[in-house]
């Protein structure tokens, strides 16, 4: 029936693109396999995960353990609030946020520091021997994560 309709009345005019359609960039979604998260470590413990090169993350989840327990706690910060990544050698990182400083202690942190500066890291987690076996010595193991806040240094009257 549409063929007869089109013969009699002609083809319908395709709609013209609107203002928003003209401004919208032509973005083809990338397959999820190309944007898959990578992790560091060959065993069950992964010190951190990161996005492949060229992909920028919006947030980073930082996890550490309540002392002597298997209870995890953490913060998730938006990269737009990360003001500076400080470091001492390759064994300590300091992430400066507006309301706190995240102190990370480990060995072999240079790669992590560079990925943090490029907004590629999606999570960091402290190693807990109650949960994971000790990883090989050539892999990064985050030994300690501490959040330092200004109110921790205020004198109490």
N, C-alpha and C. Protein backbone atom coordinates (compact mmCIF):
# COMPACT_ATOMS: atom_id res chain seq x y z
N UNK A 1 0.81 -1.19 0.00
CA UNK A 1 0.00 0.00 0.00
C UNK A 1 0.85 1.25 0.00
N UNK A 2 1.99 1.20 0.62
CA UNK A 2 2.84 2.38 0.60
C UNK A 2 3.34 2.68 -0.80
N UNK A 3 3.54 1.66 -1.64
CA UNK A 3 3.99 1.91 -3.00
C UNK A 3 2.93 2.69 -3.77
N UNK A 4 1.67 2.30 -3.65
CA UNK A 4 0.59 3.03 -4.32
C UNK A 4 0.49 4.45 -3.78
N UNK A 5 0.61 4.59 -2.47
CA UNK A 5 0.54 5.91 -1.85
C UNK A 5 1.65 6.80 -2.37
N UNK A 6 2.88 6.23 -2.42
CA UNK A 6 4.02 6.99 -2.91
C UNK A 6 3.85 7.36 -4.38
N UNK A 7 3.24 6.45 -5.19
CA UNK A 7 3.02 6.75 -6.61
C UNK A 7 2.05 7.91 -6.78
N UNK A 8 1.02 7.93 -5.94
CA UNK A 8 -0.01 8.97 -6.08
C UNK A 8 0.47 10.29 -5.49
N UNK A 9 0.98 10.26 -4.28
CA UNK A 9 1.30 11.50 -3.58
C UNK A 9 2.78 11.84 -3.56
N UNK A 10 3.61 10.97 -4.04
CA UNK A 10 5.05 11.23 -4.03
C UNK A 10 5.68 10.78 -2.71
N UNK A 11 6.97 10.70 -2.71
CA UNK A 11 7.69 10.26 -1.51
C UNK A 11 7.64 11.35 -0.44
N UNK A 12 7.63 10.88 0.81
CA UNK A 12 7.65 11.84 1.92
C UNK A 12 9.03 12.49 2.00
N UNK A 13 9.04 13.75 2.34
CA UNK A 13 10.30 14.49 2.48
C UNK A 13 10.94 14.10 3.81
N UNK A 14 12.19 13.68 3.76
CA UNK A 14 12.84 13.31 5.02
C UNK A 14 12.93 14.54 5.93
N UNK A 15 12.82 14.33 7.23
CA UNK A 15 12.88 15.48 8.15
C UNK A 15 14.26 16.14 8.10
N UNK A 16 14.25 17.44 8.21
CA UNK A 16 15.50 18.20 8.22
C UNK A 16 16.14 18.09 9.60
N UNK A 17 17.45 18.05 9.65
CA UNK A 17 18.08 17.98 10.97
C UNK A 17 17.82 19.26 11.76
N UNK A 18 17.60 19.08 13.05
CA UNK A 18 17.37 20.23 13.93
C UNK A 18 18.69 20.87 14.33
N UNK A 19 18.58 21.94 15.11
CA UNK A 19 19.75 22.68 15.55
C UNK A 19 20.69 21.80 16.37
N UNK A 20 20.13 21.00 17.30
CA UNK A 20 20.96 20.13 18.15
C UNK A 20 21.65 19.05 17.31
N UNK A 21 20.96 18.55 16.27
CA UNK A 21 21.57 17.53 15.42
C UNK A 21 22.76 18.09 14.65
N UNK A 22 22.67 19.36 14.26
CA UNK A 22 23.78 19.97 13.52
C UNK A 22 25.01 20.17 14.40
N UNK A 23 24.79 20.44 15.69
CA UNK A 23 25.92 20.69 16.60
C UNK A 23 26.50 19.41 17.17
N UNK A 24 25.74 18.34 17.19
CA UNK A 24 26.19 17.07 17.78
C UNK A 24 27.32 16.49 16.93
N UNK A 25 28.45 16.17 17.57
CA UNK A 25 29.54 15.57 16.80
C UNK A 25 29.17 14.15 16.39
N UNK A 26 29.78 13.71 15.32
CA UNK A 26 29.55 12.35 14.84
C UNK A 26 30.47 11.41 15.61
N UNK A 27 29.95 10.86 16.69
CA UNK A 27 30.76 9.99 17.55
C UNK A 27 30.28 8.56 17.37
N UNK A 28 31.19 7.72 16.96
CA UNK A 28 30.87 6.30 16.86
C UNK A 28 31.31 5.64 18.15
N UNK A 29 30.41 4.94 18.85
CA UNK A 29 30.82 4.31 20.11
C UNK A 29 31.89 3.25 19.86
N UNK A 30 32.86 3.22 20.76
CA UNK A 30 33.92 2.22 20.63
C UNK A 30 33.45 0.93 21.28
N UNK A 31 33.85 -0.19 20.74
CA UNK A 31 33.46 -1.46 21.36
C UNK A 31 33.99 -1.56 22.78
N UNK A 32 33.24 -2.21 23.65
CA UNK A 32 33.62 -2.28 25.06
C UNK A 32 34.93 -3.03 25.25
N UNK A 33 35.31 -3.88 24.32
CA UNK A 33 36.56 -4.61 24.49
C UNK A 33 37.77 -3.68 24.38
N UNK A 34 37.64 -2.57 23.66
CA UNK A 34 38.75 -1.63 23.53
C UNK A 34 38.85 -0.72 24.74
N UNK A 35 37.79 -0.54 25.51
CA UNK A 35 37.79 0.37 26.64
C UNK A 35 37.79 -0.42 27.94
N UNK A 36 38.11 -1.68 27.89
CA UNK A 36 38.10 -2.52 29.08
C UNK A 36 39.17 -2.06 30.06
N UNK A 37 38.84 -2.18 31.33
CA UNK A 37 39.75 -1.80 32.39
C UNK A 37 40.88 -2.83 32.50
N UNK A 38 42.09 -2.35 32.71
CA UNK A 38 43.24 -3.23 32.93
C UNK A 38 43.59 -3.18 34.42
N UNK A 39 44.21 -4.23 34.91
CA UNK A 39 44.62 -4.27 36.31
C UNK A 39 46.09 -4.65 36.39
N UNK A 40 46.69 -4.31 37.53
CA UNK A 40 48.09 -4.61 37.76
C UNK A 40 48.17 -5.78 38.74
N UNK A 41 48.91 -6.79 38.37
CA UNK A 41 49.10 -7.95 39.25
C UNK A 41 48.64 -9.22 38.57
N UNK A 42 49.36 -10.30 38.87
CA UNK A 42 49.03 -11.59 38.25
C UNK A 42 48.20 -12.47 39.16
N UNK A 43 48.19 -12.19 40.46
CA UNK A 43 47.44 -13.01 41.41
C UNK A 43 46.06 -12.41 41.69
N UNK A 44 45.41 -12.88 42.75
CA UNK A 44 44.08 -12.37 43.08
C UNK A 44 44.08 -10.92 43.56
N UNK A 45 45.18 -10.46 44.18
CA UNK A 45 45.27 -9.07 44.63
C UNK A 45 45.68 -8.17 43.47
N UNK A 46 44.94 -7.11 43.28
CA UNK A 46 45.26 -6.11 42.26
C UNK A 46 45.44 -4.77 42.97
N UNK A 47 46.63 -4.20 42.88
CA UNK A 47 46.92 -2.94 43.56
C UNK A 47 46.10 -1.79 42.99
N UNK A 48 45.94 -1.77 41.67
CA UNK A 48 45.14 -0.72 41.04
C UNK A 48 44.69 -1.16 39.66
N UNK A 49 43.66 -0.51 39.20
CA UNK A 49 43.14 -0.74 37.86
C UNK A 49 43.19 0.55 37.09
N UNK A 50 43.29 0.46 35.77
CA UNK A 50 43.41 1.67 34.97
C UNK A 50 42.77 1.45 33.60
N UNK A 51 42.45 2.54 32.97
CA UNK A 51 41.88 2.52 31.63
C UNK A 51 43.03 2.54 30.63
N UNK A 52 42.80 1.99 29.43
CA UNK A 52 43.86 2.00 28.43
C UNK A 52 44.25 3.42 28.02
N UNK A 53 45.39 3.53 27.40
CA UNK A 53 45.91 4.82 26.97
C UNK A 53 44.91 5.54 26.07
N UNK A 54 44.78 6.84 26.28
CA UNK A 54 43.86 7.63 25.48
C UNK A 54 42.48 7.72 26.09
N UNK A 55 42.20 6.98 27.15
CA UNK A 55 40.91 7.02 27.81
C UNK A 55 41.08 7.72 29.15
N UNK A 56 40.24 8.71 29.41
CA UNK A 56 40.33 9.48 30.64
C UNK A 56 39.17 9.12 31.55
N UNK A 57 39.47 8.82 32.80
CA UNK A 57 38.44 8.49 33.77
C UNK A 57 37.93 9.75 34.46
N UNK A 58 36.75 9.62 35.06
CA UNK A 58 36.17 10.75 35.78
C UNK A 58 36.39 10.64 37.28
N UNK A 59 36.54 9.40 37.79
CA UNK A 59 36.64 9.21 39.23
C UNK A 59 37.61 8.08 39.55
N UNK A 60 38.05 8.05 40.80
CA UNK A 60 38.94 7.01 41.29
C UNK A 60 38.46 6.55 42.66
N UNK A 61 38.32 5.26 42.84
CA UNK A 61 37.88 4.66 44.10
C UNK A 61 39.12 4.24 44.88
N UNK A 62 39.28 4.76 46.11
CA UNK A 62 40.44 4.44 46.95
C UNK A 62 39.92 3.61 48.12
N UNK A 63 40.48 2.39 48.30
CA UNK A 63 39.99 1.47 49.34
C UNK A 63 41.13 1.07 50.27
N UNK A 64 40.81 1.05 51.56
CA UNK A 64 41.75 0.55 52.56
C UNK A 64 40.95 -0.19 53.61
N UNK A 65 41.65 -0.85 54.52
CA UNK A 65 41.01 -1.74 55.49
C UNK A 65 41.02 -1.15 56.88
N UNK A 66 39.94 -1.36 57.59
CA UNK A 66 39.94 -0.97 59.00
C UNK A 66 40.97 -1.86 59.70
N UNK A 67 41.81 -1.30 60.54
CA UNK A 67 42.92 -2.08 61.14
C UNK A 67 42.43 -3.35 61.84
N UNK A 68 43.09 -4.47 61.50
CA UNK A 68 42.82 -5.75 62.14
C UNK A 68 41.50 -6.41 61.73
N UNK A 69 40.89 -5.93 60.64
CA UNK A 69 39.60 -6.50 60.22
C UNK A 69 39.62 -6.83 58.74
N UNK A 70 38.52 -7.38 58.30
CA UNK A 70 38.30 -7.62 56.87
C UNK A 70 37.24 -6.66 56.34
N UNK A 71 37.08 -5.53 57.02
CA UNK A 71 36.09 -4.53 56.63
C UNK A 71 36.79 -3.44 55.83
N UNK A 72 36.31 -3.26 54.62
CA UNK A 72 36.92 -2.26 53.74
C UNK A 72 36.22 -0.92 53.92
N UNK A 73 36.97 0.14 53.76
CA UNK A 73 36.41 1.49 53.75
C UNK A 73 37.11 2.26 52.66
N UNK A 74 36.60 3.41 52.30
CA UNK A 74 37.25 4.15 51.23
C UNK A 74 36.57 5.44 50.88
N UNK A 75 37.10 6.06 49.85
CA UNK A 75 36.52 7.27 49.28
C UNK A 75 36.59 7.13 47.76
N UNK A 76 35.70 7.80 47.11
CA UNK A 76 35.76 7.89 45.66
C UNK A 76 35.80 9.37 45.34
N UNK A 77 36.88 9.80 44.68
CA UNK A 77 37.01 11.22 44.36
C UNK A 77 36.90 11.43 42.86
N UNK A 78 36.41 12.60 42.51
CA UNK A 78 36.33 13.01 41.12
C UNK A 78 37.69 13.59 40.72
N UNK A 79 38.18 13.21 39.57
CA UNK A 79 39.49 13.70 39.12
C UNK A 79 39.53 15.22 38.98
N UNK A 80 38.40 15.84 38.75
CA UNK A 80 38.42 17.31 38.61
C UNK A 80 38.83 17.99 39.92
N UNK A 81 38.73 17.24 41.06
CA UNK A 81 39.13 17.80 42.34
C UNK A 81 40.56 17.43 42.73
N UNK A 82 41.24 16.62 41.94
CA UNK A 82 42.63 16.26 42.22
C UNK A 82 43.51 17.44 41.80
N UNK A 83 44.09 18.11 42.80
CA UNK A 83 44.86 19.32 42.52
C UNK A 83 46.31 19.02 42.19
N UNK A 84 46.87 17.96 42.80
CA UNK A 84 48.29 17.70 42.63
C UNK A 84 48.58 16.27 43.04
N UNK A 85 49.56 15.65 42.38
CA UNK A 85 50.06 14.34 42.77
C UNK A 85 51.50 14.54 43.23
N UNK A 86 51.72 14.42 44.54
CA UNK A 86 53.07 14.56 45.08
C UNK A 86 53.67 13.19 45.30
N UNK A 87 54.99 13.12 45.34
CA UNK A 87 55.64 11.83 45.56
C UNK A 87 56.97 11.99 46.25
N UNK A 88 57.37 10.92 46.93
CA UNK A 88 58.68 10.81 47.56
C UNK A 88 59.30 9.54 47.00
N UNK A 89 60.30 9.70 46.14
CA UNK A 89 60.90 8.55 45.49
C UNK A 89 59.85 7.76 44.73
N UNK A 90 59.95 6.45 44.78
CA UNK A 90 58.92 5.63 44.16
C UNK A 90 58.17 4.81 45.21
N UNK A 91 58.22 5.28 46.48
CA UNK A 91 57.58 4.53 47.55
C UNK A 91 56.47 5.28 48.28
N UNK A 92 56.21 6.55 47.94
CA UNK A 92 55.11 7.27 48.58
C UNK A 92 54.49 8.25 47.60
N UNK A 93 53.17 8.24 47.55
CA UNK A 93 52.40 9.19 46.75
C UNK A 93 51.49 9.99 47.67
N UNK A 94 51.24 11.22 47.29
CA UNK A 94 50.29 12.06 48.02
C UNK A 94 49.35 12.69 47.00
N UNK A 95 48.07 12.38 47.14
CA UNK A 95 47.05 12.95 46.26
C UNK A 95 46.40 14.10 47.00
N UNK A 96 46.58 15.30 46.50
CA UNK A 96 46.07 16.50 47.16
C UNK A 96 44.67 16.80 46.63
N UNK A 97 43.69 16.68 47.52
CA UNK A 97 42.30 17.01 47.22
C UNK A 97 41.94 18.26 48.01
N UNK A 98 40.85 18.94 47.69
CA UNK A 98 40.53 20.18 48.40
C UNK A 98 40.35 20.02 49.92
N UNK A 99 39.82 18.88 50.37
CA UNK A 99 39.54 18.70 51.80
C UNK A 99 40.42 17.67 52.48
N UNK A 100 41.33 17.03 51.75
CA UNK A 100 42.15 15.99 52.36
C UNK A 100 43.36 15.67 51.48
N UNK A 101 44.26 14.89 52.05
CA UNK A 101 45.42 14.37 51.33
C UNK A 101 45.39 12.86 51.47
N UNK A 102 45.46 12.15 50.36
CA UNK A 102 45.50 10.69 50.38
C UNK A 102 46.96 10.29 50.28
N UNK A 103 47.46 9.61 51.31
CA UNK A 103 48.86 9.16 51.36
C UNK A 103 48.89 7.67 51.04
N UNK A 104 49.68 7.31 50.04
CA UNK A 104 49.79 5.92 49.59
C UNK A 104 51.24 5.48 49.73
N UNK A 105 51.46 4.37 50.43
CA UNK A 105 52.82 3.87 50.61
C UNK A 105 52.95 2.48 50.00
N UNK A 106 54.04 2.28 49.29
CA UNK A 106 54.27 1.04 48.56
C UNK A 106 55.69 1.09 48.00
N UNK A 107 55.98 0.16 47.17
CA UNK A 107 57.20 0.18 46.37
C UNK A 107 56.78 0.15 44.91
N UNK A 108 57.62 0.66 44.05
CA UNK A 108 57.32 0.68 42.60
C UNK A 108 56.04 1.46 42.28
N UNK A 109 55.96 2.70 42.72
CA UNK A 109 54.77 3.53 42.50
C UNK A 109 54.88 4.47 41.32
N UNK A 110 55.98 4.47 40.60
CA UNK A 110 56.17 5.41 39.49
C UNK A 110 55.10 5.24 38.42
N UNK A 111 54.81 4.01 38.03
CA UNK A 111 53.79 3.78 37.00
C UNK A 111 52.41 4.24 37.48
N UNK A 112 52.10 3.97 38.74
CA UNK A 112 50.82 4.42 39.31
C UNK A 112 50.74 5.94 39.31
N UNK A 113 51.82 6.60 39.68
CA UNK A 113 51.84 8.07 39.71
C UNK A 113 51.56 8.65 38.33
N UNK A 114 52.20 8.10 37.31
CA UNK A 114 52.00 8.61 35.95
C UNK A 114 50.57 8.36 35.47
N UNK A 115 50.00 7.21 35.81
CA UNK A 115 48.62 6.93 35.40
C UNK A 115 47.63 7.82 36.15
N UNK A 116 47.91 8.12 37.43
CA UNK A 116 47.05 9.04 38.17
C UNK A 116 47.09 10.44 37.56
N UNK A 117 48.28 10.89 37.19
CA UNK A 117 48.42 12.22 36.59
C UNK A 117 47.69 12.31 35.26
N UNK A 118 47.53 11.20 34.58
CA UNK A 118 46.82 11.16 33.29
C UNK A 118 45.35 10.77 33.45
N UNK A 119 44.87 10.69 34.70
CA UNK A 119 43.47 10.38 35.01
C UNK A 119 43.04 9.02 34.48
N UNK A 120 43.91 8.05 34.51
CA UNK A 120 43.60 6.74 33.97
C UNK A 120 43.23 5.71 35.03
N UNK A 121 43.59 5.94 36.30
CA UNK A 121 43.37 4.96 37.36
C UNK A 121 41.90 4.98 37.79
N UNK A 122 41.30 3.79 37.86
CA UNK A 122 39.89 3.69 38.27
C UNK A 122 39.74 3.26 39.72
N UNK A 123 40.71 2.50 40.25
CA UNK A 123 40.67 2.14 41.66
C UNK A 123 42.07 1.89 42.18
N UNK A 124 42.24 2.08 43.50
CA UNK A 124 43.46 1.75 44.25
C UNK A 124 42.99 0.96 45.45
N UNK A 125 43.73 -0.07 45.85
CA UNK A 125 43.34 -0.77 47.07
C UNK A 125 44.56 -1.26 47.83
N UNK A 126 44.44 -1.12 49.13
CA UNK A 126 45.48 -1.56 50.05
C UNK A 126 45.46 -3.08 50.14
N UNK A 127 46.63 -3.67 50.27
CA UNK A 127 46.72 -5.12 50.43
C UNK A 127 46.34 -5.49 51.87
N UNK A 128 45.59 -6.56 52.01
CA UNK A 128 45.22 -7.08 53.33
C UNK A 128 45.57 -8.57 53.36
N UNK A 129 46.55 -8.99 54.19
CA UNK A 129 46.94 -10.40 54.20
C UNK A 129 45.83 -11.33 54.69
N UNK A 130 44.81 -10.80 55.35
CA UNK A 130 43.68 -11.62 55.77
C UNK A 130 42.81 -12.02 54.58
N UNK A 131 42.89 -11.24 53.51
CA UNK A 131 42.02 -11.45 52.35
C UNK A 131 42.78 -12.09 51.19
N UNK A 132 44.00 -11.61 50.92
CA UNK A 132 44.76 -12.08 49.77
C UNK A 132 46.11 -12.65 50.20
N UNK A 133 46.63 -13.63 49.46
CA UNK A 133 47.99 -14.09 49.74
C UNK A 133 48.99 -13.01 49.31
N UNK A 134 50.20 -13.13 49.79
CA UNK A 134 51.25 -12.17 49.44
C UNK A 134 51.56 -12.31 47.95
N UNK A 135 51.49 -11.20 47.19
CA UNK A 135 51.80 -11.28 45.76
C UNK A 135 53.30 -11.41 45.52
N UNK A 136 53.67 -11.74 44.29
CA UNK A 136 55.11 -11.83 43.96
C UNK A 136 55.83 -10.51 44.25
N UNK A 137 57.13 -10.61 44.53
CA UNK A 137 57.90 -9.44 44.95
C UNK A 137 58.10 -8.41 43.83
N UNK A 138 57.93 -8.79 42.57
CA UNK A 138 58.14 -7.83 41.48
C UNK A 138 56.87 -7.06 41.13
N UNK A 139 55.77 -7.27 41.85
CA UNK A 139 54.52 -6.58 41.58
C UNK A 139 54.25 -5.53 42.65
N UNK A 140 53.56 -4.45 42.28
CA UNK A 140 53.24 -3.43 43.29
C UNK A 140 52.25 -3.97 44.32
N UNK A 141 52.50 -3.63 45.57
CA UNK A 141 51.60 -3.97 46.67
C UNK A 141 51.44 -2.71 47.50
N UNK A 142 50.24 -2.19 47.58
CA UNK A 142 50.01 -0.97 48.37
C UNK A 142 49.92 -1.40 49.83
N UNK A 143 50.93 -1.00 50.60
CA UNK A 143 51.02 -1.41 51.99
C UNK A 143 50.14 -0.58 52.91
N UNK A 144 49.97 0.71 52.59
CA UNK A 144 49.21 1.58 53.49
C UNK A 144 48.57 2.71 52.69
N UNK A 145 47.33 3.00 53.04
CA UNK A 145 46.62 4.17 52.51
C UNK A 145 46.08 4.92 53.72
N UNK A 146 46.36 6.21 53.76
CA UNK A 146 45.89 7.03 54.88
C UNK A 146 45.27 8.31 54.32
N UNK A 147 44.17 8.72 54.92
CA UNK A 147 43.53 9.98 54.55
C UNK A 147 43.86 10.99 55.64
N UNK A 148 44.49 12.09 55.27
CA UNK A 148 44.86 13.14 56.22
C UNK A 148 43.92 14.32 55.97
N UNK A 149 43.21 14.72 57.02
CA UNK A 149 42.26 15.84 56.94
C UNK A 149 42.70 16.94 57.90
N UNK A 150 42.42 18.21 57.58
CA UNK A 150 42.85 19.31 58.44
C UNK A 150 42.32 19.22 59.87
N UNK A 151 41.09 18.71 60.04
CA UNK A 151 40.53 18.65 61.39
C UNK A 151 41.30 17.70 62.30
N UNK A 152 42.12 16.85 61.75
CA UNK A 152 42.92 15.93 62.55
C UNK A 152 44.00 16.68 63.34
N UNK A 153 44.33 17.90 62.91
CA UNK A 153 45.42 18.65 63.52
C UNK A 153 44.94 19.81 64.37
N UNK A 154 43.65 19.96 64.52
CA UNK A 154 43.12 21.06 65.35
C UNK A 154 43.28 20.71 66.82
N UNK A 155 43.68 21.72 67.59
CA UNK A 155 43.81 21.52 69.04
C UNK A 155 42.45 21.54 69.68
N UNK A 156 42.24 20.65 70.60
CA UNK A 156 40.96 20.60 71.33
C UNK A 156 41.12 21.34 72.63
N UNK A 157 40.16 22.20 72.92
CA UNK A 157 40.20 22.99 74.18
C UNK A 157 39.42 22.30 75.26
